Amino acid sequence: MNFDTVIQGARTAAFLLNEAGGERSREQIILLKGNTAFPAGQILSKNAAGKYVAFVAPADGAAVDIAILYAGRDADSTADRYAAAVVRDCEVIESLLVGLTDPARTALAAAGIILR
């Protein structure tokens, strides 16, 4: 008997342990158009145009708007995409985050996002 191996990607909100009541932790964001697909748990930052991209560390001492993508989004090079993200007051599983760096840790802590 042969069985196919299926490798499952990141599932919607699998990284999320706990969030503030009433979905206060979430917001609708706009992802910048591009050829990059993002999995659930991708760490993002807002660019100068107010659209989210894969996390870019801010200059020393500068604040950054940070978000964690709630559900994966396919690439789209023709138009910006709406997406849901957690942006504040929640607990997440550190090992399920994508793009976690020391500057990202600092920005997440400033937003009240606790890594477990």
PDB file of N, CA and C in Angstrom:
ATOM      1  N   MET A   1       0.834  -1.170   0.000  1.00  0.00           N
ATOM      2  CA  MET A   1       0.000   0.000   0.000  1.00  0.00           C
ATOM      3  C   MET A   1       0.887   1.244   0.000  1.00  0.00           C
ATOM      4  N   ASN A   2       0.627   2.186  -0.899  1.00  0.00           N
ATOM      5  CA  ASN A   2       1.404   3.428  -0.967  1.00  0.00           C
ATOM      6  C   ASN A   2       0.585   4.586  -0.406  1.00  0.00           C
ATOM      7  N   PHE A   3       1.258   5.439   0.315  1.00  0.00           N
ATOM      8  CA  PHE A   3       0.624   6.625   0.867  1.00  0.00           C
ATOM      9  C   PHE A   3       1.384   7.854   0.409  1.00  0.00           C
ATOM     10  N   ASP A   4       0.660   8.873   0.025  1.00  0.00           N
ATOM     11  CA  ASP A   4       1.290  10.134  -0.343  1.00  0.00           C
ATOM     12  C   ASP A   4       1.615  10.917   0.922  1.00  0.00           C
ATOM     13  N   THR A   5       2.753  11.564   0.917  1.00  0.00           N
ATOM     14  CA  THR A   5       3.120  12.426   2.023  1.00  0.00           C
ATOM     15  C   THR A   5       2.634  13.831   1.718  1.00  0.00           C
ATOM     16  N   VAL A   6       1.911  14.388   2.640  1.00  0.00           N
ATOM     17  CA  VAL A   6       1.401  15.740   2.483  1.00  0.00           C
ATOM     18  C   VAL A   6       2.082  16.619   3.518  1.00  0.00           C
ATOM     19  N   ILE A   7       2.693  17.699   3.069  1.00  0.00           N
ATOM     20  CA  ILE A   7       3.323  18.645   3.979  1.00  0.00           C
ATOM     21  C   ILE A   7       2.398  19.845   4.084  1.00  0.00           C
ATOM     22  N   GLN A   8       1.897  20.040   5.270  1.00  0.00           N
ATOM     23  CA  GLN A   8       0.931  21.106   5.491  1.00  0.00           C
ATOM     24  C   GLN A   8       1.664  22.379   5.886  1.00  0.00           C
ATOM     25  N   GLY A   9       1.271  23.496   5.302  1.00  0.00           N
ATOM     26  CA  GLY A   9       1.862  24.785   5.637  1.00  0.00           C
ATOM     27  C   GLY A   9       1.253  25.350   6.910  1.00  0.00           C
ATOM     28  N   ALA A  10       1.632  26.570   7.215  1.00  0.00           N
ATOM     29  CA  ALA A  10       1.112  27.236   8.402  1.00  0.00           C
ATOM     30  C   ALA A  10      -0.398  27.398   8.291  1.00  0.00           C
ATOM     31  N   ARG A  11      -1.094  27.062   9.362  1.00  0.00           N
ATOM     32  CA  ARG A  11      -2.552  27.184   9.363  1.00  0.00           C
ATOM     33  C   ARG A  11      -2.965  28.528   9.943  1.00  0.00           C
ATOM     34  N   THR A  12      -4.132  28.978   9.562  1.00  0.00           N
ATOM     35  CA  THR A  12      -4.652  30.248  10.029  1.00  0.00           C
ATOM     36  C   THR A  12      -4.602  30.340  11.549  1.00  0.00           C
ATOM     37  N   ALA A  13      -3.937  31.382  12.039  1.00  0.00           N
ATOM     38  CA  ALA A  13      -3.849  31.712  13.467  1.00  0.00           C
ATOM     39  C   ALA A  13      -3.282  30.607  14.347  1.00  0.00           C
ATOM     40  N   ALA A  14      -2.572  29.639  13.785  1.00  0.00           N
ATOM     41  CA  ALA A  14      -2.001  28.559  14.595  1.00  0.00           C
ATOM     42  C   ALA A  14      -1.004  29.115  15.614  1.00  0.00           C
ATOM     43  N   PHE A  15      -0.405  30.253  15.340  1.00  0.00           N
ATOM     44  CA  PHE A  15       0.581  30.877  16.220  1.00  0.00           C
ATOM     45  C   PHE A  15      -0.057  31.578  17.421  1.00  0.00           C
ATOM     46  N   LEU A  16      -1.351  31.806  17.399  1.00  0.00           N
ATOM     47  CA  LEU A  16      -2.040  32.646  18.380  1.00  0.00           C
ATOM     48  C   LEU A  16      -2.493  31.830  19.588  1.00  0.00           C
ATOM     49  N   LEU A  17      -1.991  32.181  20.770  1.00  0.00           N
ATOM     50  CA  LEU A  17      -2.388  31.495  22.004  1.00  0.00           C
ATOM     51  C   LEU A  17      -3.572  32.182  22.679  1.00  0.00           C
ATOM     52  N   ASN A  18      -3.522  33.504  22.742  1.00  0.00           N
ATOM     53  CA  ASN A  18      -4.519  34.260  23.482  1.00  0.00           C
ATOM     54  C   ASN A  18      -4.553  35.673  22.920  1.00  0.00           C
ATOM     55  N   GLU A  19      -5.738  36.265  22.863  1.00  0.00           N
ATOM     56  CA  GLU A  19      -5.842  37.640  22.397  1.00  0.00           C
ATOM     57  C   GLU A  19      -6.831  38.396  23.249  1.00  0.00           C
ATOM     58  N   ALA A  20      -6.801  39.715  23.132  1.00  0.00           N
ATOM     59  CA  ALA A  20      -7.697  40.567  23.901  1.00  0.00           C
ATOM     60  C   ALA A  20      -9.143  40.305  23.507  1.00  0.00           C
ATOM     61  N   GLY A  21     -10.060  40.530  24.429  1.00  0.00           N
ATOM     62  CA  GLY A  21     -11.476  40.292  24.186  1.00  0.00           C
ATOM     63  C   GLY A  21     -12.015  41.144  23.041  1.00  0.00           C
ATOM     64  N   GLY A  22     -13.043  40.604  22.385  1.00  0.00           N
ATOM     65  CA  GLY A  22     -13.700  41.352  21.318  1.00  0.00           C
ATOM     66  C   GLY A  22     -12.844  41.569  20.095  1.00  0.00           C
ATOM     67  N   GLU A  23     -11.898  40.710  19.873  1.00  0.00           N
ATOM     68  CA  GLU A  23     -10.988  40.819  18.726  1.00  0.00           C
ATOM     69  C   GLU A  23     -10.243  42.149  18.683  1.00  0.00           C
ATOM     70  N   ARG A  24     -10.017  42.753  19.856  1.00  0.00           N
ATOM     71  CA  ARG A  24      -9.295  44.024  19.942  1.00  0.00           C
ATOM     72  C   ARG A  24      -7.858  43.899  19.448  1.00  0.00           C
ATOM     73  N   SER A  25      -7.328  42.700  19.449  1.00  0.00           N
ATOM     74  CA  SER A  25      -5.953  42.474  19.016  1.00  0.00           C
ATOM     75  C   SER A  25      -5.784  42.559  17.506  1.00  0.00           C
ATOM     76  N   ARG A  26      -6.881  42.432  16.758  1.00  0.00           N
ATOM     77  CA  ARG A  26      -6.802  42.330  15.292  1.00  0.00           C
ATOM     78  C   ARG A  26      -7.169  43.626  14.583  1.00  0.00           C
ATOM     79  N   GLU A  27      -6.613  43.757  13.376  1.00  0.00           N
ATOM     80  CA  GLU A  27      -6.974  44.860  12.484  1.00  0.00           C
ATOM     81  C   GLU A  27      -6.922  44.365  11.047  1.00  0.00           C
ATOM     82  N   GLN A  28      -7.621  45.072  10.194  1.00  0.00           N
ATOM     83  CA  GLN A  28      -7.485  44.829   8.757  1.00  0.00           C
ATOM     84  C   GLN A  28      -6.325  45.685   8.273  1.00  0.00           C
ATOM     85  N   ILE A  29      -5.419  45.080   7.531  1.00  0.00           N
ATOM     86  CA  ILE A  29      -4.252  45.794   7.009  1.00  0.00           C
ATOM     87  C   ILE A  29      -4.227  45.674   5.485  1.00  0.00           C
ATOM     88  N   ILE A  30      -3.333  46.417   4.878  1.00  0.00           N
ATOM     89  CA  ILE A  30      -3.127  46.326   3.432  1.00  0.00           C
ATOM     90  C   ILE A  30      -1.704  45.843   3.181  1.00  0.00           C
ATOM     91  N   LEU A  31      -1.583  44.725   2.469  1.00  0.00           N
ATOM     92  CA  LEU A  31      -0.277  44.199   2.070  1.00  0.00           C
ATOM     93  C   LEU A  31       0.118  44.824   0.742  1.00  0.00           C
ATOM     94  N   LEU A  32       1.345  45.274   0.655  1.00  0.00           N
ATOM     95  CA  LEU A  32       1.860  45.840  -0.588  1.00  0.00           C
ATOM     96  C   LEU A  32       1.899  44.762  -1.665  1.00  0.00           C
ATOM     97  N   LYS A  33       1.472  45.132  -2.873  1.00  0.00           N
ATOM     98  CA  LYS A  33       1.506  44.161  -3.970  1.00  0.00           C
ATOM     99  C   LYS A  33       2.928  43.679  -4.191  1.00  0.00           C
ATOM    100  N   GLY A  34       3.057  42.459  -4.672  1.00  0.00           N
ATOM    101  CA  GLY A  34       4.382  41.911  -4.903  1.00  0.00           C
ATOM    102  C   GLY A  34       4.333  40.437  -5.237  1.00  0.00           C
ATOM    103  N   ASN A  35       5.481  39.877  -5.513  1.00  0.00           N
ATOM    104  CA  ASN A  35       5.588  38.479  -5.919  1.00  0.00           C
ATOM    105  C   ASN A  35       5.827  37.537  -4.751  1.00  0.00           C
ATOM    106  N   THR A  36       5.611  38.025  -3.538  1.00  0.00           N
ATOM    107  CA  THR A  36       5.875  37.216  -2.357  1.00  0.00           C
ATOM    108  C   THR A  36       4.578  36.788  -1.700  1.00  0.00           C
ATOM    109  N   ALA A  37       4.431  35.480  -1.494  1.00  0.00           N
ATOM    110  CA  ALA A  37       3.319  34.951  -0.709  1.00  0.00           C
ATOM    111  C   ALA A  37       3.756  34.950   0.753  1.00  0.00           C
ATOM    112  N   PHE A  38       2.831  35.216   1.648  1.00  0.00           N
ATOM    113  CA  PHE A  38       3.144  35.252   3.070  1.00  0.00           C
ATOM    114  C   PHE A  38       2.337  34.183   3.798  1.00  0.00           C
ATOM    115  N   PRO A  39       2.988  33.399   4.680  1.00  0.00           N
ATOM    116  CA  PRO A  39       2.267  32.405   5.470  1.00  0.00           C
ATOM    117  C   PRO A  39       1.645  33.046   6.713  1.00  0.00           C
ATOM    118  N   ALA A  40       0.693  32.365   7.309  1.00  0.00           N
ATOM    119  CA  ALA A  40       0.182  32.804   8.607  1.00  0.00           C
ATOM    120  C   ALA A  40       1.359  32.848   9.573  1.00  0.00           C
ATOM    121  N   GLY A  41       1.419  33.887  10.392  1.00  0.00           N
ATOM    122  CA  GLY A  41       2.523  34.038  11.343  1.00  0.00           C
ATOM    123  C   GLY A  41       3.668  34.887  10.824  1.00  0.00           C
ATOM    124  N   GLN A  42       3.567  35.386   9.594  1.00  0.00           N
ATOM    125  CA  GLN A  42       4.612  36.253   9.029  1.00  0.00           C
ATOM    126  C   GLN A  42       4.621  37.581   9.782  1.00  0.00           C
ATOM    127  N   ILE A  43       5.788  38.017  10.207  1.00  0.00           N
ATOM    128  CA  ILE A  43       5.921  39.310  10.875  1.00  0.00           C
ATOM    129  C   ILE A  43       6.074  40.381   9.805  1.00  0.00           C
ATOM    130  N   LEU A  44       5.276  41.442   9.955  1.00  0.00           N
ATOM    131  CA  LEU A  44       5.217  42.517   8.967  1.00  0.00           C
ATOM    132  C   LEU A  44       5.464  43.862   9.633  1.00  0.00           C
ATOM    133  N   SER A  45       5.884  44.835   8.834  1.00  0.00           N
ATOM    134  CA  SER A  45       5.976  46.206   9.316  1.00  0.00           C
ATOM    135  C   SER A  45       5.402  47.137   8.258  1.00  0.00           C
ATOM    136  N   LYS A  46       4.932  48.289   8.718  1.00  0.00           N
ATOM    137  CA  LYS A  46       4.308  49.255   7.817  1.00  0.00           C
ATOM    138  C   LYS A  46       5.386  50.108   7.175  1.00  0.00           C
ATOM    139  N   ASN A  47       5.284  50.292   5.843  1.00  0.00           N
ATOM    140  CA  ASN A  47       6.252  51.129   5.129  1.00  0.00           C
ATOM    141  C   ASN A  47       5.785  52.587   5.138  1.00  0.00           C
ATOM    142  N   ALA A  48       6.531  53.469   4.499  1.00  0.00           N
ATOM    143  CA  ALA A  48       6.213  54.902   4.475  1.00  0.00           C
ATOM    144  C   ALA A  48       4.881  55.184   3.796  1.00  0.00           C
ATOM    145  N   ALA A  49       4.441  54.313   2.900  1.00  0.00           N
ATOM    146  CA  ALA A  49       3.168  54.492   2.197  1.00  0.00           C
ATOM    147  C   ALA A  49       1.986  53.954   3.000  1.00  0.00           C
ATOM    148  N   GLY A  50       2.242  53.396   4.196  1.00  0.00           N
ATOM    149  CA  GLY A  50       1.177  52.886   5.040  1.00  0.00           C
ATOM    150  C   GLY A  50       0.730  51.479   4.694  1.00  0.00           C
ATOM    151  N   LYS A  51       1.534  50.768   3.922  1.00  0.00           N
ATOM    152  CA  LYS A  51       1.213  49.386   3.541  1.00  0.00           C
ATOM    153  C   LYS A  51       2.221  48.452   4.199  1.00  0.00           C
ATOM    154  N   TYR A  52       1.773  47.227   4.468  1.00  0.00           N
ATOM    155  CA  TYR A  52       2.623  46.283   5.187  1.00  0.00           C
ATOM    156  C   TYR A  52       3.459  45.432   4.238  1.00  0.00           C
ATOM    157  N   VAL A  53       4.703  45.194   4.673  1.00  0.00           N
ATOM    158  CA  VAL A  53       5.688  44.386   3.948  1.00  0.00           C
ATOM    159  C   VAL A  53       6.351  43.462   4.972  1.00  0.00           C
ATOM    160  N   ALA A  54       7.146  42.510   4.490  1.00  0.00           N
ATOM    161  CA  ALA A  54       7.919  41.685   5.411  1.00  0.00           C
ATOM    162  C   ALA A  54       8.713  42.608   6.319  1.00  0.00           C
ATOM    163  N   PHE A  55       8.845  42.245   7.590  1.00  0.00           N
ATOM    164  CA  PHE A  55       9.422  43.124   8.610  1.00  0.00           C
ATOM    165  C   PHE A  55      10.763  43.699   8.189  1.00  0.00           C
ATOM    166  N   VAL A  56      10.870  45.013   8.355  1.00  0.00           N
ATOM    167  CA  VAL A  56      12.110  45.746   8.127  1.00  0.00           C
ATOM    168  C   VAL A  56      12.444  46.445   9.439  1.00  0.00           C
ATOM    169  N   ALA A  57      13.642  46.220   9.959  1.00  0.00           N
ATOM    170  CA  ALA A  57      14.042  46.831  11.223  1.00  0.00           C
ATOM    171  C   ALA A  57      14.082  48.352  11.097  1.00  0.00           C
ATOM    172  N   PRO A  58      13.534  49.063  12.075  1.00  0.00           N
ATOM    173  CA  PRO A  58      13.559  50.531  12.029  1.00  0.00           C
ATOM    174  C   PRO A  58      14.936  51.055  12.411  1.00  0.00           C
ATOM    175  N   ALA A  59      15.164  52.323  12.140  1.00  0.00           N
ATOM    176  CA  ALA A  59      16.403  52.971  12.581  1.00  0.00           C
ATOM    177  C   ALA A  59      16.418  52.975  14.107  1.00  0.00           C
ATOM    178  N   ASP A  60      17.609  53.040  14.686  1.00  0.00           N
ATOM    179  CA  ASP A  60      17.725  53.033  16.148  1.00  0.00           C
ATOM    180  C   ASP A  60      16.855  54.116  16.764  1.00  0.00           C
ATOM    181  N   GLY A  61      16.041  53.718  17.726  1.00  0.00           N
ATOM    182  CA  GLY A  61      15.190  54.656  18.441  1.00  0.00           C
ATOM    183  C   GLY A  61      13.881  54.991  17.747  1.00  0.00           C
ATOM    184  N   ALA A  62      13.705  54.570  16.492  1.00  0.00           N
ATOM    185  CA  ALA A  62      12.473  54.871  15.758  1.00  0.00           C
ATOM    186  C   ALA A  62      11.407  53.826  16.081  1.00  0.00           C
ATOM    187  N   ALA A  63      10.171  54.271  16.103  1.00  0.00           N
ATOM    188  CA  ALA A  63       9.047  53.357  16.320  1.00  0.00           C
ATOM    189  C   ALA A  63       8.653  52.736  14.983  1.00  0.00           C
ATOM    190  N   VAL A  64       8.036  51.569  15.059  1.00  0.00           N
ATOM    191  CA  VAL A  64       7.585  50.890  13.846  1.00  0.00           C
ATOM    192  C   VAL A  64       6.225  50.267  14.128  1.00  0.00           C
ATOM    193  N   ASP A  65       5.318  50.352  13.162  1.00  0.00           N
ATOM    194  CA  ASP A  65       4.044  49.644  13.265  1.00  0.00           C
ATOM    195  C   ASP A  65       4.301  48.210  12.836  1.00  0.00           C
ATOM    196  N   ILE A  66       3.973  47.276  13.717  1.00  0.00           N
ATOM    197  CA  ILE A  66       4.260  45.871  13.464  1.00  0.00           C
ATOM    198  C   ILE A  66       2.961  45.074  13.477  1.00  0.00           C
ATOM    199  N   ALA A  67       2.940  43.980  12.750  1.00  0.00           N
ATOM    200  CA  ALA A  67       1.761  43.119  12.684  1.00  0.00           C
ATOM    201  C   ALA A  67       2.211  41.686  12.437  1.00  0.00           C
ATOM    202  N   ILE A  68       1.352  40.743  12.817  1.00  0.00           N
ATOM    203  CA  ILE A  68       1.576  39.333  12.510  1.00  0.00           C
ATOM    204  C   ILE A  68       0.391  38.886  11.669  1.00  0.00           C
ATOM    205  N   LEU A  69       0.685  38.383  10.493  1.00  0.00           N
ATOM    206  CA  LEU A  69      -0.359  37.993   9.546  1.00  0.00           C
ATOM    207  C   LEU A  69      -1.202  36.842  10.118  1.00  0.00           C
ATOM    208  N   TYR A  70      -2.503  37.039  10.156  1.00  0.00           N
ATOM    209  CA  TYR A  70      -3.444  36.087  10.763  1.00  0.00           C
ATOM    210  C   TYR A  70      -3.616  34.835   9.906  1.00  0.00           C
ATOM    211  N   ALA A  71      -3.761  35.022   8.606  1.00  0.00           N
ATOM    212  CA  ALA A  71      -3.936  33.908   7.665  1.00  0.00           C
ATOM    213  C   ALA A  71      -3.014  34.129   6.473  1.00  0.00           C
ATOM    214  N   GLY A  72      -2.532  33.065   5.886  1.00  0.00           N
ATOM    215  CA  GLY A  72      -1.635  33.183   4.741  1.00  0.00           C
ATOM    216  C   GLY A  72      -2.285  33.909   3.573  1.00  0.00           C
ATOM    217  N   ARG A  73      -1.461  34.595   2.789  1.00  0.00           N
ATOM    218  CA  ARG A  73      -1.945  35.315   1.608  1.00  0.00           C
ATOM    219  C   ARG A  73      -1.055  34.980   0.425  1.00  0.00           C
ATOM    220  N   ASP A  74      -1.683  34.712  -0.714  1.00  0.00           N
ATOM    221  CA  ASP A  74      -0.955  34.442  -1.945  1.00  0.00           C
ATOM    222  C   ASP A  74      -0.305  35.712  -2.473  1.00  0.00           C
ATOM    223  N   ALA A  75       0.688  35.536  -3.310  1.00  0.00           N
ATOM    224  CA  ALA A  75       1.337  36.677  -3.966  1.00  0.00           C
ATOM    225  C   ALA A  75       0.380  37.299  -4.967  1.00  0.00           C
ATOM    226  N   ASP A  76       0.490  38.609  -5.153  1.00  0.00           N
ATOM    227  CA  ASP A  76      -0.300  39.317  -6.158  1.00  0.00           C
ATOM    228  C   ASP A  76       0.502  40.528  -6.598  1.00  0.00           C
ATOM    229  N   SER A  77       1.043  40.474  -7.788  1.00  0.00           N
ATOM    230  CA  SER A  77       1.883  41.575  -8.273  1.00  0.00           C
ATOM    231  C   SER A  77       1.069  42.658  -8.972  1.00  0.00           C
ATOM    232  N   THR A  78      -0.249  42.484  -9.057  1.00  0.00           N
ATOM    233  CA  THR A  78      -1.075  43.463  -9.765  1.00  0.00           C
ATOM    234  C   THR A  78      -1.804  44.425  -8.842  1.00  0.00           C
ATOM    235  N   ALA A  79      -2.065  44.028  -7.594  1.00  0.00           N
ATOM    236  CA  ALA A  79      -2.832  44.895  -6.703  1.00  0.00           C
ATOM    237  C   ALA A  79      -2.473  44.627  -5.243  1.00  0.00           C
ATOM    238  N   ASP A  80      -2.598  45.665  -4.421  1.00  0.00           N
ATOM    239  CA  ASP A  80      -2.437  45.491  -2.986  1.00  0.00           C
ATOM    240  C   ASP A  80      -3.542  44.571  -2.486  1.00  0.00           C
ATOM    241  N   ARG A  81      -3.311  43.921  -1.349  1.00  0.00           N
ATOM    242  CA  ARG A  81      -4.270  42.945  -0.822  1.00  0.00           C
ATOM    243  C   ARG A  81      -4.672  43.308   0.604  1.00  0.00           C
ATOM    244  N   TYR A  82      -5.938  43.154   0.916  1.00  0.00           N
ATOM    245  CA  TYR A  82      -6.382  43.287   2.299  1.00  0.00           C
ATOM    246  C   TYR A  82      -6.075  41.992   3.028  1.00  0.00           C
ATOM    247  N   ALA A  83      -5.799  42.116   4.312  1.00  0.00           N
ATOM    248  CA  ALA A  83      -5.518  40.940   5.126  1.00  0.00           C
ATOM    249  C   ALA A  83      -5.852  41.263   6.578  1.00  0.00           C
ATOM    250  N   ALA A  84      -6.002  40.227   7.369  1.00  0.00           N
ATOM    251  CA  ALA A  84      -6.202  40.378   8.810  1.00  0.00           C
ATOM    252  C   ALA A  84      -4.861  40.124   9.498  1.00  0.00           C
ATOM    253  N   ALA A  85      -4.626  40.872  10.565  1.00  0.00           N
ATOM    254  CA  ALA A  85      -3.382  40.702  11.316  1.00  0.00           C
ATOM    255  C   ALA A  85      -3.633  41.001  12.787  1.00  0.00           C
ATOM    256  N   VAL A  86      -2.810  40.417  13.650  1.00  0.00           N
ATOM    257  CA  VAL A  86      -2.831  40.800  15.059  1.00  0.00           C
ATOM    258  C   VAL A  86      -1.774  41.877  15.229  1.00  0.00           C
ATOM    259  N   VAL A  87      -2.136  42.929  15.934  1.00  0.00           N
ATOM    260  CA  VAL A  87      -1.248  44.084  16.045  1.00  0.00           C
ATOM    261  C   VAL A  87      -0.987  44.531  17.481  1.00  0.00           C
ATOM    262  N   ARG A  88      -1.705  43.947  18.449  1.00  0.00           N
ATOM    263  CA  ARG A  88      -1.539  44.390  19.839  1.00  0.00           C
ATOM    264  C   ARG A  88      -2.098  43.360  20.814  1.00  0.00           C
ATOM    265  N   ASP A  89      -1.633  43.455  22.041  1.00  0.00           N
ATOM    266  CA  ASP A  89      -2.221  42.761  23.185  1.00  0.00           C
ATOM    267  C   ASP A  89      -2.613  41.306  22.939  1.00  0.00           C
ATOM    268  N   CYS A  90      -1.606  40.456  22.738  1.00  0.00           N
ATOM    269  CA  CYS A  90      -1.877  39.028  22.570  1.00  0.00           C
ATOM    270  C   CYS A  90      -0.648  38.224  22.977  1.00  0.00           C
ATOM    271  N   GLU A  91      -0.837  36.911  23.053  1.00  0.00           N
ATOM    272  CA  GLU A  91       0.251  35.977  23.308  1.00  0.00           C
ATOM    273  C   GLU A  91       0.371  35.065  22.099  1.00  0.00           C
ATOM    274  N   VAL A  92       1.598  34.850  21.640  1.00  0.00           N
ATOM    275  CA  VAL A  92       1.825  34.042  20.448  1.00  0.00           C
ATOM    276  C   VAL A  92       2.906  32.996  20.701  1.00  0.00           C
ATOM    277  N   ILE A  93       2.895  31.958  19.881  1.00  0.00           N
ATOM    278  CA  ILE A  93       3.912  30.899  19.964  1.00  0.00           C
ATOM    279  C   ILE A  93       5.111  31.335  19.127  1.00  0.00           C
ATOM    280  N   GLU A  94       6.189  31.604  19.787  1.00  0.00           N
ATOM    281  CA  GLU A  94       7.394  32.138  19.139  1.00  0.00           C
ATOM    282  C   GLU A  94       7.881  31.256  17.992  1.00  0.00           C
ATOM    283  N   SER A  95       7.862  29.953  18.164  1.00  0.00           N
ATOM    284  CA  SER A  95       8.415  29.046  17.152  1.00  0.00           C
ATOM    285  C   SER A  95       7.583  29.001  15.870  1.00  0.00           C
ATOM    286  N   LEU A  96       6.352  29.523  15.892  1.00  0.00           N
ATOM    287  CA  LEU A  96       5.504  29.515  14.707  1.00  0.00           C
ATOM    288  C   LEU A  96       5.523  30.838  13.944  1.00  0.00           C
ATOM    289  N   LEU A  97       6.320  31.795  14.420  1.00  0.00           N
ATOM    290  CA  LEU A  97       6.423  33.080  13.735  1.00  0.00           C
ATOM    291  C   LEU A  97       7.472  33.004  12.629  1.00  0.00           C
ATOM    292  N   VAL A  98       7.228  33.729  11.558  1.00  0.00           N
ATOM    293  CA  VAL A  98       8.135  33.755  10.409  1.00  0.00           C
ATOM    294  C   VAL A  98       8.780  35.136  10.341  1.00  0.00           C
ATOM    295  N   GLY A  99      10.109  35.160  10.287  1.00  0.00           N
ATOM    296  CA  GLY A  99      10.825  36.435  10.174  1.00  0.00           C
ATOM    297  C   GLY A  99      11.146  37.083  11.506  1.00  0.00           C
ATOM    298  N   LEU A 100      11.216  36.285  12.568  1.00  0.00           N
ATOM    299  CA  LEU A 100      11.486  36.826  13.900  1.00  0.00           C
ATOM    300  C   LEU A 100      12.969  37.158  14.051  1.00  0.00           C
ATOM    301  N   THR A 101      13.257  38.418  14.353  1.00  0.00           N
ATOM    302  CA  THR A 101      14.614  38.901  14.587  1.00  0.00           C
ATOM    303  C   THR A 101      14.621  39.661  15.910  1.00  0.00           C
ATOM    304  N   ASP A 102      15.791  40.057  16.382  1.00  0.00           N
ATOM    305  CA  ASP A 102      15.856  40.837  17.625  1.00  0.00           C
ATOM    306  C   ASP A 102      15.107  42.163  17.514  1.00  0.00           C
ATOM    307  N   PRO A 103      15.265  42.932  16.407  1.00  0.00           N
ATOM    308  CA  PRO A 103      14.466  44.161  16.290  1.00  0.00           C
ATOM    309  C   PRO A 103      12.957  43.874  16.258  1.00  0.00           C
ATOM    310  N   ALA A 104      12.563  42.762  15.667  1.00  0.00           N
ATOM    311  CA  ALA A 104      11.146  42.394  15.642  1.00  0.00           C
ATOM    312  C   ALA A 104      10.665  42.073  17.053  1.00  0.00           C
ATOM    313  N   ARG A 105      11.484  41.388  17.829  1.00  0.00           N
ATOM    314  CA  ARG A 105      11.130  41.085  19.219  1.00  0.00           C
ATOM    315  C   ARG A 105      10.854  42.367  19.994  1.00  0.00           C
ATOM    316  N   THR A 106      11.712  43.355  19.807  1.00  0.00           N
ATOM    317  CA  THR A 106      11.562  44.637  20.487  1.00  0.00           C
ATOM    318  C   THR A 106      10.265  45.327  20.074  1.00  0.00           C
ATOM    319  N   ALA A 107       9.976  45.329  18.788  1.00  0.00           N
ATOM    320  CA  ALA A 107       8.759  45.977  18.278  1.00  0.00           C
ATOM    321  C   ALA A 107       7.513  45.223  18.752  1.00  0.00           C
ATOM    322  N   LEU A 108       7.568  43.905  18.787  1.00  0.00           N
ATOM    323  CA  LEU A 108       6.431  43.122  19.256  1.00  0.00           C
ATOM    324  C   LEU A 108       6.157  43.419  20.736  1.00  0.00           C
ATOM    325  N   ALA A 109       7.205  43.481  21.525  1.00  0.00           N
ATOM    326  CA  ALA A 109       7.042  43.789  22.960  1.00  0.00           C
ATOM    327  C   ALA A 109       6.428  45.170  23.156  1.00  0.00           C
ATOM    328  N   ALA A 110       6.839  46.135  22.345  1.00  0.00           N
ATOM    329  CA  ALA A 110       6.285  47.491  22.432  1.00  0.00           C
ATOM    330  C   ALA A 110       4.795  47.515  22.090  1.00  0.00           C
ATOM    331  N   ALA A 111       4.353  46.585  21.265  1.00  0.00           N
ATOM    332  CA  ALA A 111       2.935  46.508  20.865  1.00  0.00           C
ATOM    333  C   ALA A 111       2.122  45.656  21.861  1.00  0.00           C
ATOM    334  N   GLY A 112       2.766  45.131  22.876  1.00  0.00           N
ATOM    335  CA  GLY A 112       2.065  44.295  23.850  1.00  0.00           C
ATOM    336  C   GLY A 112       1.857  42.871  23.375  1.00  0.00           C
ATOM    337  N   ILE A 113       2.683  42.433  22.428  1.00  0.00           N
ATOM    338  CA  ILE A 113       2.601  41.058  21.927  1.00  0.00           C
ATOM    339  C   ILE A 113       3.665  40.239  22.645  1.00  0.00           C
ATOM    340  N   ILE A 114       3.200  39.247  23.400  1.00  0.00           N
ATOM    341  CA  ILE A 114       4.082  38.451  24.258  1.00  0.00           C
ATOM    342  C   ILE A 114       4.436  37.155  23.544  1.00  0.00           C
ATOM    343  N   LEU A 115       5.724  36.857  23.506  1.00  0.00           N
ATOM    344  CA  LEU A 115       6.207  35.611  22.897  1.00  0.00           C
ATOM    345  C   LEU A 115       6.268  34.529  23.954  1.00  0.00           C
ATOM    346  N   ARG A 116       5.725  33.375  23.628  1.00  0.00           N
ATOM    347  CA  ARG A 116       5.763  32.228  24.565  1.00  0.00           C
ATOM    348  C   ARG A 116       6.511  31.092  23.932  1.00  0.00           C
TER     349      ARG A 116
END
